[in-house]
Protein backbone atom coordinates (compact mmCIF):
# COMPACT_ATOMS: atom_id res chain seq x y z
CA MET A 1 107.86 87.13 155.94
CA VAL A 2 111.30 86.82 154.32
CA SER A 3 114.23 88.05 156.41
CA SER A 4 116.54 90.77 155.09
CA GLY A 5 119.46 88.30 155.34
CA ALA A 6 117.71 85.80 153.09
CA THR A 7 116.86 88.56 150.62
CA SER A 8 120.48 89.73 150.52
CA MET A 9 121.72 86.20 149.87
CA ALA A 10 119.19 85.70 147.09
CA ASP A 11 120.20 89.00 145.50
CA ALA A 12 123.87 88.03 145.77
CA LEU A 13 123.25 84.72 144.03
CA ILE A 14 121.31 86.42 141.25
CA THR A 15 124.17 88.90 140.78
CA GLU A 16 126.70 86.09 140.61
CA ARG A 17 124.70 84.02 138.14
CA THR A 18 124.33 87.05 135.91
CA ALA A 19 128.08 87.63 136.02
CA LEU A 20 128.77 84.01 135.13
CA LYS A 21 126.45 84.11 132.16
CA GLU A 22 128.12 87.25 130.90
CA THR A 23 131.51 85.49 130.95
CA GLY A 24 130.17 82.80 128.61
CA GLY A 25 129.61 79.89 130.95
CA LEU A 26 127.53 78.49 133.79
CA VAL A 27 128.85 77.08 137.00
CA GLU A 28 127.49 74.71 139.64
CA GLY A 29 128.66 76.27 142.88
CA SER A 30 129.77 79.76 143.74
CA ILE A 31 133.34 79.94 142.43
CA ALA A 32 134.39 80.48 138.81
CA ALA A 33 137.50 81.63 137.04
CA ASN A 34 137.72 85.40 136.55
CA VAL A 35 134.53 86.05 138.56
CA THR A 36 134.64 87.52 142.04
CA PRO A 37 132.46 85.30 144.26
CA SER A 38 129.58 86.97 146.09
CA THR A 39 129.14 84.09 148.53
CA PRO A 40 131.69 82.27 150.69
CA LYS A 41 133.44 79.18 149.35
CA LYS A 42 131.79 75.88 150.14
CA PRO A 43 133.32 73.50 152.70
CA ALA A 44 136.26 71.42 151.51
CA ASP A 45 134.19 68.24 151.42
CA ALA A 46 131.45 69.73 149.22
CA ARG A 47 130.90 68.82 145.58
CA ALA A 48 133.64 70.11 143.32
CA VAL A 49 132.78 73.08 141.17
CA ARG A 50 131.52 71.89 137.79
CA ILE A 51 132.02 74.43 135.05
CA LEU A 52 129.71 74.22 132.04
CA SER A 53 130.71 76.03 128.85
CA ARG A 54 130.99 75.63 125.09
CA ASP A 55 134.27 77.54 125.16
CA PRO A 56 137.31 75.22 125.50
CA ASP A 57 139.28 78.08 127.03
CA ALA A 58 136.89 78.14 129.99
CA PHE A 59 138.59 74.96 131.17
CA ALA A 60 142.12 74.35 132.38
CA VAL A 61 144.30 72.03 130.33
CA ILE A 62 143.72 68.43 131.42
CA THR A 63 146.70 67.02 133.31
CA GLY A 64 145.41 63.70 134.61
CA ARG A 65 145.46 64.87 138.22
CA GLU A 66 141.79 65.90 138.03
CA GLU A 67 139.29 63.59 139.68
CA ASP A 68 137.41 63.16 136.39
CA TRP A 69 140.57 62.14 134.52
CA ARG A 70 142.65 60.25 137.08
CA PHE A 71 141.89 56.84 135.61
CA THR A 72 142.33 57.84 131.95
CA PRO A 73 145.73 57.24 130.29
CA LEU A 74 146.10 60.65 128.64
CA ALA A 75 149.12 59.61 126.57
CA ARG A 76 146.88 57.25 124.62
CA LEU A 77 144.28 59.91 123.71
CA ARG A 78 146.36 61.27 120.78
CA GLY A 79 145.60 64.87 121.68
CA LEU A 80 141.79 64.59 121.64
CA HIS A 81 141.62 65.93 125.20
CA ASP A 82 143.74 69.05 124.87
CA GLY A 83 143.31 70.34 121.32
CA THR A 84 146.66 69.18 119.95
CA ALA A 85 145.08 66.54 117.72
CA ALA A 86 145.24 67.45 114.03
CA VAL A 87 142.07 66.63 112.10
CA ASP A 88 143.28 64.46 109.26
CA GLY A 89 140.49 61.93 108.87
CA SER A 90 136.74 61.60 108.73
CA ILE A 91 133.87 59.38 109.68
CA ASP A 92 131.13 58.18 107.38
CA VAL A 93 127.61 58.40 108.86
CA GLN A 94 124.91 56.36 107.15
CA VAL A 95 121.34 56.71 108.42
CA THR A 96 118.66 54.07 107.92
CA ALA A 97 115.30 55.39 109.09
CA PRO A 98 111.58 54.70 108.65
CA GLU A 99 109.48 57.03 106.56
CA GLY A 100 108.71 60.33 108.22
CA VAL A 101 112.03 60.72 110.06
CA GLU A 102 113.83 63.94 109.12
CA VAL A 103 117.62 63.75 108.71
CA GLU A 104 119.74 66.85 108.21
CA THR A 105 123.44 67.70 108.05
CA ILE A 106 124.29 70.47 110.53
CA GLY A 107 127.21 72.60 111.69
CA PRO A 108 128.21 74.01 115.10
CA ASP A 109 125.98 77.07 114.61
CA HIS A 110 122.72 75.13 114.28
CA GLU A 111 120.08 76.22 116.78
CA LEU A 112 119.75 72.73 118.30
CA VAL A 113 123.46 72.31 119.01
CA GLY A 114 123.59 72.78 122.77
CA CYS A 115 119.94 71.88 123.37
CA ALA A 116 120.91 69.06 125.76
CA LEU A 117 124.70 69.16 126.06
CA VAL A 118 126.71 71.94 127.65
CA PRO A 119 130.29 70.62 127.87
CA SER A 120 131.72 70.02 131.33
CA ASP A 121 135.33 69.56 130.25
CA ARG A 122 137.80 70.77 127.65
CA SER A 123 137.52 67.62 125.55
CA ALA A 124 133.75 67.90 125.05
CA ALA A 125 134.00 71.63 124.35
CA LEU A 126 136.63 71.02 121.67
CA ALA A 127 134.40 68.44 119.99
CA MET A 128 131.42 70.79 119.97
CA ARG A 129 133.43 73.70 118.61
CA ASP A 130 135.51 71.90 116.00
CA PHE A 131 133.18 69.44 114.30
CA ALA A 132 132.64 70.36 110.66
CA LYS A 133 129.67 68.17 109.84
CA GLY A 134 127.12 66.77 112.25
CA THR A 135 123.80 64.95 111.94
CA LEU A 136 120.33 65.97 113.12
CA VAL A 137 117.60 63.34 113.40
CA ARG A 138 114.11 64.69 114.12
CA ILE A 139 111.35 62.24 115.07
CA THR A 140 107.73 63.33 115.20
CA GLY A 141 105.74 60.08 115.38
CA GLU A 142 105.59 56.68 117.07
CA LEU A 143 108.11 54.52 115.20
CA THR A 144 107.79 50.75 114.98
CA GLU A 145 111.22 50.27 113.38
CA PRO A 146 114.55 51.53 114.76
CA VAL A 147 116.56 54.41 113.37
CA VAL A 148 120.09 53.12 112.75
CA LEU A 149 123.10 55.40 112.41
CA ARG A 150 126.21 53.56 111.27
CA VAL A 151 129.26 55.62 112.19
CA GLU A 152 132.24 54.18 110.35
CA GLY A 153 135.78 55.33 110.90
CA THR A 154 137.97 55.50 107.81
CA GLY A 155 141.24 56.25 109.60
CA GLY A 156 142.74 59.45 110.98
CA THR A 157 141.43 61.91 113.55
CA SER A 158 137.93 63.41 113.43
CA TYR A 159 135.25 65.28 115.36
CA GLY A 160 131.52 64.71 115.04
CA HIS A 161 128.17 65.61 116.51
CA LEU A 162 124.70 64.03 116.64
CA VAL A 163 121.43 65.62 117.74
CA VAL A 164 118.30 63.48 118.17
CA ASP A 165 115.15 65.56 118.65
CA LEU A 166 111.93 63.81 119.72
CA VAL A 167 108.86 65.99 119.77
CA ALA A 168 106.19 65.60 122.44
CA HIS A 169 104.70 62.09 122.67
CA ALA A 170 106.95 60.62 119.95
CA GLN A 171 108.46 57.14 120.45
CA ALA A 172 111.64 55.68 118.95
CA ILE A 173 114.60 53.37 119.25
CA VAL A 174 117.83 54.87 117.90
CA VAL A 175 120.89 52.67 117.33
CA LEU A 176 124.28 54.39 117.18
CA ASP A 177 126.69 51.83 115.73
CA HIS A 178 130.41 52.72 115.83
CA VAL A 179 132.66 50.60 113.59
CA GLY A 180 135.89 50.89 111.64
CA LEU A 181 139.19 52.51 112.59
CA ALA A 182 139.15 56.03 114.04
CA THR A 183 140.53 58.52 116.52
CA HIS A 184 137.23 60.23 117.19
CA ASN A 185 135.70 62.73 119.59
CA GLY A 186 131.95 63.16 119.12
CA GLY A 187 129.14 64.75 121.09
CA VAL A 188 125.64 63.24 121.28
CA GLU A 189 122.57 65.28 122.26
CA LEU A 190 119.14 63.81 122.93
CA ARG A 191 116.17 66.13 123.44
CA VAL A 192 113.15 64.12 124.57
CA GLY A 193 109.91 66.08 124.50
CA ASP A 194 107.05 65.97 127.00
CA GLY A 195 105.56 62.49 127.19
CA ALA A 196 107.99 61.13 124.60
CA SER A 197 109.94 57.87 124.86
CA LEU A 198 113.44 57.27 123.49
CA THR A 199 115.77 54.29 123.67
CA LEU A 200 119.35 54.95 122.58
CA VAL A 201 121.53 51.93 121.87
CA SER A 202 125.15 53.02 121.62
CA LEU A 203 127.44 50.28 120.28
CA GLN A 204 131.22 50.71 120.41
CA GLY A 205 132.49 47.98 118.09
CA TRP A 206 135.56 49.85 116.86
CA ALA A 207 138.49 48.14 115.20
CA PRO A 208 141.66 47.56 117.26
CA GLY A 209 143.72 50.73 117.58
CA SER A 210 140.73 53.09 117.72
CA VAL A 211 140.30 55.85 120.30
CA HIS A 212 136.85 57.25 121.08
CA LEU A 213 135.75 60.05 123.41
CA SER A 214 132.10 61.03 123.65
CA ALA A 215 129.82 63.12 125.86
CA GLN A 216 126.25 61.79 125.52
CA ALA A 217 123.66 64.11 127.06
CA ALA A 218 119.90 63.63 127.35
CA ARG A 219 117.39 66.26 128.47
CA LEU A 220 113.93 64.99 129.39
CA GLY A 221 110.67 66.89 129.26
CA ARG A 222 107.71 66.40 131.57
CA ASP A 223 106.73 62.71 131.91
CA ALA A 224 109.33 61.71 129.29
CA ARG A 225 111.05 58.34 129.34
CA PHE A 226 114.63 57.70 128.28
CA ARG A 227 116.61 54.48 128.16
CA SER A 228 120.32 54.42 127.37
CA ILE A 229 121.92 51.08 126.51
CA VAL A 230 125.69 51.24 126.07
CA VAL A 231 127.70 48.26 124.81
CA THR A 232 131.47 48.71 124.54
CA LEU A 233 133.56 45.88 123.14
CA GLY A 234 135.97 47.35 120.59
CA GLY A 235 138.67 49.97 120.38
CA ASP A 236 141.96 50.56 122.13
CA LEU A 237 140.60 53.28 124.42
CA VAL A 238 136.95 54.29 124.79
CA ARG A 239 135.73 56.92 127.26
CA LEU A 240 132.02 57.74 127.32
CA VAL A 241 130.28 60.28 129.56
CA PRO A 242 126.48 59.73 129.53
CA THR A 243 124.45 62.35 131.42
CA VAL A 244 120.80 63.21 131.96
CA THR A 245 118.98 66.32 133.15
CA TYR A 246 115.27 66.84 133.67
CA ALA A 247 113.31 69.79 132.28
CA GLY A 248 110.05 68.87 134.03
CA PRO A 249 108.57 66.53 136.65
CA GLY A 250 107.73 62.91 135.94
CA GLY A 251 110.86 62.14 133.89
CA ASP A 252 112.15 58.55 133.98
CA ALA A 253 115.72 57.65 132.92
CA GLU A 254 117.35 54.22 132.82
CA PHE A 255 121.01 53.55 132.01
CA LEU A 256 122.13 50.04 131.11
CA GLY A 257 125.71 49.28 130.19
CA LEU A 258 127.95 46.38 129.19
CA ALA A 259 131.71 46.37 128.64
CA PHE A 260 134.15 43.55 127.89
CA ALA A 261 137.82 44.52 127.99
CA ASP A 262 140.57 42.33 126.56
CA ALA A 263 144.33 42.66 126.93
CA GLY A 264 145.46 46.28 126.63
CA GLN A 265 141.98 47.80 126.32
CA HIS A 266 140.87 50.73 128.46
CA LEU A 267 137.07 51.07 128.54
CA GLU A 268 135.73 53.89 130.72
CA HIS A 269 132.18 54.99 131.42
CA ARG A 270 131.35 58.01 133.60
CA LEU A 271 127.70 58.78 134.29
CA PHE A 272 126.13 61.89 135.76
CA VAL A 273 122.45 61.91 136.71
CA ASP A 274 121.33 65.41 137.64
CA HIS A 275 118.02 65.45 139.51
CA GLY A 276 117.00 69.10 139.56
CA VAL A 277 113.18 68.96 139.46
CA PRO A 278 110.63 67.11 141.61
CA HIS A 279 109.24 63.60 141.16
CA CYS A 280 111.68 62.10 138.67
CA LYS A 281 113.23 58.65 138.58
CA SER A 282 116.55 57.13 137.51
CA ARG A 283 118.02 53.65 137.43
CA VAL A 284 121.57 52.65 136.51
CA THR A 285 122.85 49.10 135.87
CA TYR A 286 126.34 48.66 134.39
CA LYS A 287 128.32 45.43 134.11
CA SER A 288 131.79 44.66 132.83
CA ALA A 289 134.04 41.66 132.32
CA VAL A 290 137.80 42.07 132.12
CA GLN A 291 140.47 39.63 130.95
CA GLY A 292 144.09 39.78 129.81
CA GLU A 293 147.25 41.71 130.60
CA GLY A 294 146.60 45.44 130.96
CA ALA A 295 142.83 45.16 130.47
CA HIS A 296 141.08 47.91 132.44
CA THR A 297 137.48 49.02 132.88
CA VAL A 298 136.35 52.11 134.77
CA TRP A 299 132.83 52.93 135.90
CA VAL A 300 131.97 56.11 137.77
CA GLY A 301 128.35 56.82 138.63
CA ASP A 302 127.58 60.31 139.96
CA VAL A 303 124.03 61.06 141.09
CA LEU A 304 123.09 64.51 142.37
CA ILE A 305 119.74 65.16 144.02
CA ARG A 306 119.34 68.92 144.31
CA ALA A 307 117.39 70.64 147.07
CA GLU A 308 114.42 71.29 144.79
CA ALA A 309 114.20 67.66 143.54
CA LEU A 310 111.56 66.48 145.99
CA GLY A 311 110.23 62.95 145.58
CA THR A 312 113.25 61.70 143.63
CA ASP A 313 113.64 57.93 143.20
CA THR A 314 117.12 56.76 142.18
CA TYR A 315 119.36 53.69 142.38
CA GLU A 316 122.61 52.71 140.69
CA LEU A 317 124.32 49.32 140.46
CA ASN A 318 127.71 48.29 139.09
CA ARG A 319 129.07 44.74 138.82
CA ASN A 320 132.50 43.75 137.50
CA LEU A 321 133.81 40.29 136.72
CA LEU A 322 137.58 39.72 136.67
CA LEU A 323 138.35 36.75 134.45
CA THR A 324 142.15 36.83 134.83
CA ASP A 325 144.53 37.90 137.59
CA SER A 326 146.15 40.66 135.53
CA ALA A 327 142.89 42.47 134.72
CA ARG A 328 141.66 45.55 136.60
CA ALA A 329 138.26 47.12 137.19
CA ASP A 330 137.65 50.40 139.03
CA SER A 331 134.18 51.22 140.34
CA VAL A 332 133.24 54.54 142.00
CA PRO A 333 129.56 55.18 142.88
CA ASN A 334 128.80 58.67 144.20
CA LEU A 335 125.50 59.88 145.60
CA GLU A 336 124.92 63.43 146.84
CA ILE A 337 121.59 64.37 148.37
CA GLU A 338 120.62 67.95 149.19
CA THR A 339 117.09 67.21 150.44
CA GLY A 340 115.65 64.61 152.77
CA GLU A 341 112.26 64.60 151.06
CA ILE A 342 112.90 61.84 148.52
CA THR A 343 111.23 58.54 147.66
CA GLY A 344 114.46 56.57 147.70
CA ALA A 345 118.15 56.68 146.83
CA GLY A 346 120.92 54.12 146.92
CA HIS A 347 123.84 52.49 145.17
CA ALA A 348 125.77 49.24 145.13
CA SER A 349 129.06 48.16 143.62
CA ALA A 350 130.92 44.85 143.56
CA THR A 351 134.01 43.57 141.80
CA GLY A 352 135.04 39.93 142.04
CA ARG A 353 136.72 37.02 140.40
CA PHE A 354 135.07 34.16 138.60
CA ASP A 355 132.79 32.12 140.89
CA GLU A 356 134.45 28.72 141.17
CA GLU A 357 131.36 27.23 142.84
CA GLN A 358 129.27 28.02 139.77
CA LEU A 359 131.88 26.40 137.55
CA PHE A 360 132.04 23.33 139.78
CA TYR A 361 128.25 22.99 139.72
CA LEU A 362 128.15 23.05 135.92
CA THR A 363 131.20 20.84 135.30
CA SER A 364 129.96 18.27 137.82
CA ARG A 365 126.94 17.86 135.56
CA GLY A 366 129.03 17.00 132.54
CA ILE A 367 129.42 20.45 130.98
CA PRO A 368 132.98 21.08 129.71
CA ALA A 369 134.85 23.76 131.68
CA ALA A 370 135.21 26.14 128.73
CA GLU A 371 131.51 25.96 127.92
CA ALA A 372 130.60 26.35 131.60
CA ARG A 373 132.72 29.51 131.74
CA ARG A 374 130.93 30.93 128.70
CA MET A 375 127.54 30.13 130.20
CA VAL A 376 128.32 32.02 133.39
CA VAL A 377 129.51 35.12 131.53
CA ARG A 378 126.52 35.03 129.15
CA GLY A 379 124.21 34.90 132.14
CA PHE A 380 126.08 37.80 133.75
CA PHE A 381 125.50 40.03 130.69
CA ASN A 382 122.06 38.75 129.71
CA GLU A 383 120.23 41.29 131.90
CA VAL A 384 121.54 44.07 129.67
CA VAL A 385 121.50 42.45 126.23
CA GLN A 386 117.93 41.17 126.41
CA GLN A 387 116.60 44.69 127.00
CA ILE A 388 117.93 46.18 123.75
CA GLY A 389 114.71 45.39 121.92
CA VAL A 390 116.26 44.94 118.47
CA PRO A 391 116.64 41.18 117.80
CA ALA A 392 119.29 41.57 115.11
CA ILE A 393 121.46 43.67 117.43
CA GLU A 394 120.98 41.25 120.33
CA GLU A 395 122.07 38.29 118.17
CA ARG A 396 125.09 40.20 116.94
CA LEU A 397 126.16 41.03 120.49
CA TYR A 398 125.80 37.47 121.71
CA ALA A 399 128.03 36.40 118.81
CA ALA A 400 130.55 39.09 119.71
CA LEU A 401 130.62 37.96 123.33
CA GLU A 402 131.18 34.37 122.23
CA LYS A 403 134.15 35.58 120.19
CA GLU A 404 135.58 37.45 123.19
CA LEU A 405 135.24 34.39 125.40
CA SER A 406 136.87 32.15 122.82
CA ALA A 407 139.91 34.42 122.41
């Protein structure tokens, strides 16, 4: 028998959710702007309210005091975060795909825009609203060759959008290759059907002086598998926000990331894994190396296990290697668990300087110090690079890392 108190609370929550939807947005929590709450505020130490909306005006103007933006140097974003950026440039998207892959140019009103991504900040909402020309890639079979999207900046400021739609039981590797000079804010949506398998390789090889913001959202169907591999080497400032949600049980998501920041670069990666259904799995492994004056990497890993996500299995790991005294790496793992009935959950984070014992071991065996240093860093990153699964891309990245280490 359900008590009258429980029924009243359930009715109150339904009323509130209905009100929120009518205002044009969804909210995680019980408080939203311009909506009278029907339940008491949560304790002060509870998860911050996370507003989700396609309307930029649903969000306050970003000031840098927000937890999600406290590490980001807003003055270097050129207005991409607050809507003051004037669109005066473009990006050129070239798609190379096997036979049978459907590619379509889309606008903000396309039915699949919003299928996986509902913006959680003003920057992402601006990108979704203001892009003029996006790309839809629909995959219906089991591909043996990768789909490659070359996104080339040609100067100026631009918005963009990509939707990758895998039908049930399809399999694919999609490479998103960012090059050229750009000030760019682009959303990425990945809808992975029941039993489908998708690997997304997102390469940020921008030219010096580039700024790149991107929300990358995946939504997994029942028993779907998703692997995200992010490699960020280029650009002046890059800030990526990969997220995953599960639409059915049995979903499996893995996030692998690599960043190498040189003098003056700010490379930031913020992940959110939202376990909202039972018996799903997630793994996160991100690594960065930082060298040079003003070089800065940021990794934030947020994992939420909701009350209904029974049997969840999750773990996240972040490792950062400081190659010079003036470099900085920030690492913030967060794990929130609302049920005790899980398979496992944990996180680990470590930031340290170059291991002198490893260098001594190698140099004592006749290996020059510079080569020994390169060997240690290559070994540090090898766990990520070797899992890309596209030999040409792996070789290119090893060459790029060699160039970074020789600088």
